[in-house]
Amino acid sequence: MNKDLKKIRKALEAQGFETAVTRRGHLLVLRDGRRVALFSGTASDWRALKNSIADARRAGFKWPP
């Protein structure tokens, strides 16, 4: 997990989201037991991180903190 994803994970957990790392290295984000977003562990597309942040923001995530 790179340093940007670690910062995002820490901010998600501080705002009440649950996070878990899947067997394949993806970061799964849950809110009230429902999947909110899925961050790729090693994204090959430069937009992948931004798209996942957008999914989390739709669920109430404030970024940047």
PDB file of N, CA and C in Angstrom:
ATOM      1  N   MET A   1       0.856  -1.165   0.000  1.00  0.00           N
ATOM      2  CA  MET A   1       0.000   0.000   0.000  1.00  0.00           C
ATOM      3  C   MET A   1       0.909   1.238   0.000  1.00  0.00           C
ATOM      4  N   ASN A   2       0.674   2.152  -0.939  1.00  0.00           N
ATOM      5  CA  ASN A   2       1.533   3.333  -1.021  1.00  0.00           C
ATOM      6  C   ASN A   2       1.143   4.375   0.024  1.00  0.00           C
ATOM      7  N   LYS A   3       1.979   5.420   0.145  1.00  0.00           N
ATOM      8  CA  LYS A   3       1.768   6.393   1.216  1.00  0.00           C
ATOM      9  C   LYS A   3       0.490   7.212   1.029  1.00  0.00           C
ATOM     10  N   ASP A   4       0.093   7.486  -0.218  1.00  0.00           N
ATOM     11  CA  ASP A   4      -1.151   8.223  -0.440  1.00  0.00           C
ATOM     12  C   ASP A   4      -2.358   7.421   0.034  1.00  0.00           C
ATOM     13  N   LEU A   5      -2.353   6.146  -0.262  1.00  0.00           N
ATOM     14  CA  LEU A   5      -3.462   5.288   0.145  1.00  0.00           C
ATOM     15  C   LEU A   5      -3.497   5.117   1.664  1.00  0.00           C
ATOM     16  N   LYS A   6      -2.340   5.117   2.299  1.00  0.00           N
ATOM     17  CA  LYS A   6      -2.295   5.033   3.762  1.00  0.00           C
ATOM     18  C   LYS A   6      -2.905   6.282   4.393  1.00  0.00           C
ATOM     19  N   LYS A   7      -2.638   7.454   3.807  1.00  0.00           N
ATOM     20  CA  LYS A   7      -3.229   8.701   4.317  1.00  0.00           C
ATOM     21  C   LYS A   7      -4.744   8.685   4.160  1.00  0.00           C
ATOM     22  N   ILE A   8      -5.205   8.197   3.017  1.00  0.00           N
ATOM     23  CA  ILE A   8      -6.639   8.137   2.767  1.00  0.00           C
ATOM     24  C   ILE A   8      -7.300   7.158   3.736  1.00  0.00           C
ATOM     25  N   ARG A   9      -6.657   6.024   3.959  1.00  0.00           N
ATOM     26  CA  ARG A   9      -7.210   5.026   4.888  1.00  0.00           C
ATOM     27  C   ARG A   9      -7.336   5.602   6.299  1.00  0.00           C
ATOM     28  N   LYS A  10      -6.312   6.319   6.727  1.00  0.00           N
ATOM     29  CA  LYS A  10      -6.336   6.911   8.066  1.00  0.00           C
ATOM     30  C   LYS A  10      -7.465   7.940   8.181  1.00  0.00           C
ATOM     31  N   ALA A  11      -7.650   8.752   7.127  1.00  0.00           N
ATOM     32  CA  ALA A  11      -8.723   9.755   7.133  1.00  0.00           C
ATOM     33  C   ALA A  11     -10.093   9.087   7.109  1.00  0.00           C
ATOM     34  N   LEU A  12     -10.241   8.010   6.338  1.00  0.00           N
ATOM     35  CA  LEU A  12     -11.510   7.286   6.293  1.00  0.00           C
ATOM     36  C   LEU A  12     -11.879   6.739   7.666  1.00  0.00           C
ATOM     37  N   GLU A  13     -10.919   6.126   8.329  1.00  0.00           N
ATOM     38  CA  GLU A  13     -11.191   5.553   9.646  1.00  0.00           C
ATOM     39  C   GLU A  13     -11.494   6.640  10.673  1.00  0.00           C
ATOM     40  N   ALA A  14     -10.847   7.798  10.553  1.00  0.00           N
ATOM     41  CA  ALA A  14     -11.111   8.906  11.475  1.00  0.00           C
ATOM     42  C   ALA A  14     -12.522   9.457  11.300  1.00  0.00           C
ATOM     43  N   GLN A  15     -13.081   9.305  10.092  1.00  0.00           N
ATOM     44  CA  GLN A  15     -14.420   9.822   9.812  1.00  0.00           C
ATOM     45  C   GLN A  15     -15.503   8.763   9.996  1.00  0.00           C
ATOM     46  N   GLY A  16     -15.152   7.612  10.550  1.00  0.00           N
ATOM     47  CA  GLY A  16     -16.157   6.613  10.895  1.00  0.00           C
ATOM     48  C   GLY A  16     -16.387   5.517   9.874  1.00  0.00           C
ATOM     49  N   PHE A  17     -15.583   5.464   8.833  1.00  0.00           N
ATOM     50  CA  PHE A  17     -15.698   4.394   7.845  1.00  0.00           C
ATOM     51  C   PHE A  17     -14.908   3.183   8.320  1.00  0.00           C
ATOM     52  N   GLU A  18     -15.334   2.013   7.911  1.00  0.00           N
ATOM     53  CA  GLU A  18     -14.588   0.795   8.192  1.00  0.00           C
ATOM     54  C   GLU A  18     -13.754   0.472   6.962  1.00  0.00           C
ATOM     55  N   THR A  19     -12.515   0.020   7.179  1.00  0.00           N
ATOM     56  CA  THR A  19     -11.663  -0.349   6.063  1.00  0.00           C
ATOM     57  C   THR A  19     -11.096  -1.734   6.297  1.00  0.00           C
ATOM     58  N   ALA A  20     -10.844  -2.431   5.213  1.00  0.00           N
ATOM     59  CA  ALA A  20     -10.231  -3.754   5.273  1.00  0.00           C
ATOM     60  C   ALA A  20      -9.428  -3.963   4.000  1.00  0.00           C
ATOM     61  N   VAL A  21      -8.345  -4.698   4.131  1.00  0.00           N
ATOM     62  CA  VAL A  21      -7.535  -5.030   2.965  1.00  0.00           C
ATOM     63  C   VAL A  21      -7.938  -6.426   2.516  1.00  0.00           C
ATOM     64  N   THR A  22      -8.270  -6.558   1.241  1.00  0.00           N
ATOM     65  CA  THR A  22      -8.681  -7.853   0.701  1.00  0.00           C
ATOM     66  C   THR A  22      -7.457  -8.745   0.483  1.00  0.00           C
ATOM     67  N   ARG A  23      -7.708  -9.996   0.140  1.00  0.00           N
ATOM     68  CA  ARG A  23      -6.610 -10.933  -0.109  1.00  0.00           C
ATOM     69  C   ARG A  23      -5.736 -10.487  -1.271  1.00  0.00           C
ATOM     70  N   ARG A  24      -6.311  -9.750  -2.187  1.00  0.00           N
ATOM     71  CA  ARG A  24      -5.562  -9.301  -3.369  1.00  0.00           C
ATOM     72  C   ARG A  24      -4.935  -7.918  -3.197  1.00  0.00           C
ATOM     73  N   GLY A  25      -5.038  -7.354  -2.006  1.00  0.00           N
ATOM     74  CA  GLY A  25      -4.369  -6.089  -1.727  1.00  0.00           C
ATOM     75  C   GLY A  25      -5.191  -4.845  -1.980  1.00  0.00           C
ATOM     76  N   HIS A  26      -6.471  -4.987  -2.253  1.00  0.00           N
ATOM     77  CA  HIS A  26      -7.339  -3.830  -2.455  1.00  0.00           C
ATOM     78  C   HIS A  26      -7.835  -3.332  -1.102  1.00  0.00           C
ATOM     79  N   LEU A  27      -8.132  -2.050  -1.032  1.00  0.00           N
ATOM     80  CA  LEU A  27      -8.670  -1.465   0.183  1.00  0.00           C
ATOM     81  C   LEU A  27     -10.186  -1.348   0.040  1.00  0.00           C
ATOM     82  N   LEU A  28     -10.902  -2.086   0.861  1.00  0.00           N
ATOM     83  CA  LEU A  28     -12.355  -2.103   0.849  1.00  0.00           C
ATOM     84  C   LEU A  28     -12.850  -1.113   1.894  1.00  0.00           C
ATOM     85  N   VAL A  29     -13.781  -0.251   1.503  1.00  0.00           N
ATOM     86  CA  VAL A  29     -14.324   0.768   2.404  1.00  0.00           C
ATOM     87  C   VAL A  29     -15.797   0.473   2.628  1.00  0.00           C
ATOM     88  N   LEU A  30     -16.179   0.381   3.909  1.00  0.00           N
ATOM     89  CA  LEU A  30     -17.558   0.064   4.290  1.00  0.00           C
ATOM     90  C   LEU A  30     -18.123   1.173   5.159  1.00  0.00           C
ATOM     91  N   ARG A  31     -19.422   1.382   5.028  1.00  0.00           N
ATOM     92  CA  ARG A  31     -20.156   2.311   5.890  1.00  0.00           C
ATOM     93  C   ARG A  31     -21.459   1.635   6.257  1.00  0.00           C
ATOM     94  N   ASP A  32     -21.691   1.396   7.526  1.00  0.00           N
ATOM     95  CA  ASP A  32     -22.892   0.721   8.013  1.00  0.00           C
ATOM     96  C   ASP A  32     -23.050  -0.658   7.376  1.00  0.00           C
ATOM     97  N   GLY A  33     -21.939  -1.354   7.157  1.00  0.00           N
ATOM     98  CA  GLY A  33     -21.976  -2.694   6.600  1.00  0.00           C
ATOM     99  C   GLY A  33     -22.139  -2.763   5.096  1.00  0.00           C
ATOM    100  N   ARG A  34     -22.218  -1.632   4.423  1.00  0.00           N
ATOM    101  CA  ARG A  34     -22.384  -1.604   2.963  1.00  0.00           C
ATOM    102  C   ARG A  34     -21.092  -1.116   2.316  1.00  0.00           C
ATOM    103  N   ARG A  35     -20.783  -1.694   1.175  1.00  0.00           N
ATOM    104  CA  ARG A  35     -19.584  -1.295   0.447  1.00  0.00           C
ATOM    105  C   ARG A  35     -19.783   0.089  -0.145  1.00  0.00           C
ATOM    106  N   VAL A  36     -18.833   0.959   0.126  1.00  0.00           N
ATOM    107  CA  VAL A  36     -18.879   2.330  -0.367  1.00  0.00           C
ATOM    108  C   VAL A  36     -17.924   2.507  -1.532  1.00  0.00           C
ATOM    109  N   ALA A  37     -16.700   2.005  -1.366  1.00  0.00           N
ATOM    110  CA  ALA A  37     -15.672   2.176  -2.392  1.00  0.00           C
ATOM    111  C   ALA A  37     -14.677   1.037  -2.295  1.00  0.00           C
ATOM    112  N   LEU A  38     -13.941   0.869  -3.380  1.00  0.00           N
ATOM    113  CA  LEU A  38     -12.880  -0.124  -3.427  1.00  0.00           C
ATOM    114  C   LEU A  38     -11.675   0.535  -4.069  1.00  0.00           C
ATOM    115  N   PHE A  39     -10.601   0.686  -3.297  1.00  0.00           N
ATOM    116  CA  PHE A  39      -9.375   1.293  -3.790  1.00  0.00           C
ATOM    117  C   PHE A  39      -8.440   0.189  -4.250  1.00  0.00           C
ATOM    118  N   SER A  40      -7.864   0.374  -5.406  1.00  0.00           N
ATOM    119  CA  SER A  40      -6.918  -0.591  -5.938  1.00  0.00           C
ATOM    120  C   SER A  40      -5.606  -0.495  -5.170  1.00  0.00           C
ATOM    121  N   GLY A  41      -5.020  -1.638  -4.862  1.00  0.00           N
ATOM    122  CA  GLY A  41      -3.745  -1.655  -4.145  1.00  0.00           C
ATOM    123  C   GLY A  41      -2.617  -1.106  -4.989  1.00  0.00           C
ATOM    124  N   THR A  42      -2.586  -1.458  -6.253  1.00  0.00           N
ATOM    125  CA  THR A  42      -1.581  -0.963  -7.186  1.00  0.00           C
ATOM    126  C   THR A  42      -2.302  -0.573  -8.473  1.00  0.00           C
ATOM    127  N   ALA A  43      -2.748   0.639  -8.510  1.00  0.00           N
ATOM    128  CA  ALA A  43      -3.534   1.103  -9.657  1.00  0.00           C
ATOM    129  C   ALA A  43      -2.644   1.319 -10.878  1.00  0.00           C
ATOM    130  N   SER A  44      -3.097   0.869 -12.023  1.00  0.00           N
ATOM    131  CA  SER A  44      -2.350   1.095 -13.250  1.00  0.00           C
ATOM    132  C   SER A  44      -2.868   2.327 -13.980  1.00  0.00           C
ATOM    133  N   ASP A  45      -4.046   2.776 -13.616  1.00  0.00           N
ATOM    134  CA  ASP A  45      -4.659   3.946 -14.231  1.00  0.00           C
ATOM    135  C   ASP A  45      -4.537   5.128 -13.272  1.00  0.00           C
ATOM    136  N   TRP A  46      -4.098   6.273 -13.765  1.00  0.00           N
ATOM    137  CA  TRP A  46      -3.892   7.423 -12.891  1.00  0.00           C
ATOM    138  C   TRP A  46      -5.201   7.982 -12.350  1.00  0.00           C
ATOM    139  N   ARG A  47      -6.331   7.659 -12.974  1.00  0.00           N
ATOM    140  CA  ARG A  47      -7.625   8.133 -12.507  1.00  0.00           C
ATOM    141  C   ARG A  47      -8.253   7.206 -11.459  1.00  0.00           C
ATOM    142  N   ALA A  48      -7.711   6.032 -11.273  1.00  0.00           N
ATOM    143  CA  ALA A  48      -8.328   5.047 -10.379  1.00  0.00           C
ATOM    144  C   ALA A  48      -8.461   5.578  -8.956  1.00  0.00           C
ATOM    145  N   LEU A  49      -7.428   6.225  -8.438  1.00  0.00           N
ATOM    146  CA  LEU A  49      -7.479   6.762  -7.081  1.00  0.00           C
ATOM    147  C   LEU A  49      -8.525   7.865  -6.982  1.00  0.00           C
ATOM    148  N   LYS A  50      -8.566   8.743  -7.967  1.00  0.00           N
ATOM    149  CA  LYS A  50      -9.546   9.837  -7.962  1.00  0.00           C
ATOM    150  C   LYS A  50     -10.975   9.306  -8.068  1.00  0.00           C
ATOM    151  N   ASN A  51     -11.190   8.291  -8.867  1.00  0.00           N
ATOM    152  CA  ASN A  51     -12.528   7.708  -9.000  1.00  0.00           C
ATOM    153  C   ASN A  51     -12.976   7.055  -7.701  1.00  0.00           C
ATOM    154  N   SER A  52     -12.076   6.387  -7.009  1.00  0.00           N
ATOM    155  CA  SER A  52     -12.428   5.749  -5.738  1.00  0.00           C
ATOM    156  C   SER A  52     -12.710   6.790  -4.660  1.00  0.00           C
ATOM    157  N   ILE A  53     -11.945   7.875  -4.662  1.00  0.00           N
ATOM    158  CA  ILE A  53     -12.212   8.964  -3.713  1.00  0.00           C
ATOM    159  C   ILE A  53     -13.587   9.568  -3.985  1.00  0.00           C
ATOM    160  N   ALA A  54     -13.946   9.707  -5.263  1.00  0.00           N
ATOM    161  CA  ALA A  54     -15.262  10.245  -5.620  1.00  0.00           C
ATOM    162  C   ALA A  54     -16.376   9.339  -5.100  1.00  0.00           C
ATOM    163  N   ASP A  55     -16.192   8.026  -5.193  1.00  0.00           N
ATOM    164  CA  ASP A  55     -17.184   7.091  -4.651  1.00  0.00           C
ATOM    165  C   ASP A  55     -17.336   7.278  -3.147  1.00  0.00           C
ATOM    166  N   ALA A  56     -16.221   7.425  -2.448  1.00  0.00           N
ATOM    167  CA  ALA A  56     -16.262   7.609  -0.994  1.00  0.00           C
ATOM    168  C   ALA A  56     -16.889   8.955  -0.633  1.00  0.00           C
ATOM    169  N   ARG A  57     -16.620   9.988  -1.423  1.00  0.00           N
ATOM    170  CA  ARG A  57     -17.198  11.307  -1.149  1.00  0.00           C
ATOM    171  C   ARG A  57     -18.711  11.292  -1.301  1.00  0.00           C
ATOM    172  N   ARG A  58     -19.215  10.489  -2.216  1.00  0.00           N
ATOM    173  CA  ARG A  58     -20.673  10.374  -2.355  1.00  0.00           C
ATOM    174  C   ARG A  58     -21.318   9.781  -1.115  1.00  0.00           C
ATOM    175  N   ALA A  59     -20.536   9.044  -0.334  1.00  0.00           N
ATOM    176  CA  ALA A  59     -21.039   8.433   0.900  1.00  0.00           C
ATOM    177  C   ALA A  59     -20.786   9.314   2.119  1.00  0.00           C
ATOM    178  N   GLY A  60     -20.200  10.521   1.906  1.00  0.00           N
ATOM    179  CA  GLY A  60     -20.007  11.433   3.016  1.00  0.00           C
ATOM    180  C   GLY A  60     -18.565  11.657   3.424  1.00  0.00           C
ATOM    181  N   PHE A  61     -17.608  11.104   2.718  1.00  0.00           N
ATOM    182  CA  PHE A  61     -16.201  11.268   3.035  1.00  0.00           C
ATOM    183  C   PHE A  61     -15.753  12.676   2.658  1.00  0.00           C
ATOM    184  N   LYS A  62     -15.053  13.338   3.561  1.00  0.00           N
ATOM    185  CA  LYS A  62     -14.524  14.686   3.316  1.00  0.00           C
ATOM    186  C   LYS A  62     -13.050  14.566   2.960  1.00  0.00           C
ATOM    187  N   TRP A  63     -12.705  14.933   1.722  1.00  0.00           N
ATOM    188  CA  TRP A  63     -11.307  14.888   1.283  1.00  0.00           C
ATOM    189  C   TRP A  63     -11.011  16.099   0.448  1.00  0.00           C
ATOM    190  N   PRO A  64      -9.931  16.813   0.641  1.00  0.00           N
ATOM    191  CA  PRO A  64      -8.920  16.584   1.672  1.00  0.00           C
ATOM    192  C   PRO A  64      -9.444  16.982   3.044  1.00  0.00           C
ATOM    193  N   PRO A  65      -8.902  16.322   4.077  1.00  0.00           N
ATOM    194  CA  PRO A  65      -9.416  16.541   5.437  1.00  0.00           C
ATOM    195  C   PRO A  65      -9.163  17.940   5.964  1.00  0.00           C
TER     196      PRO A  65
END
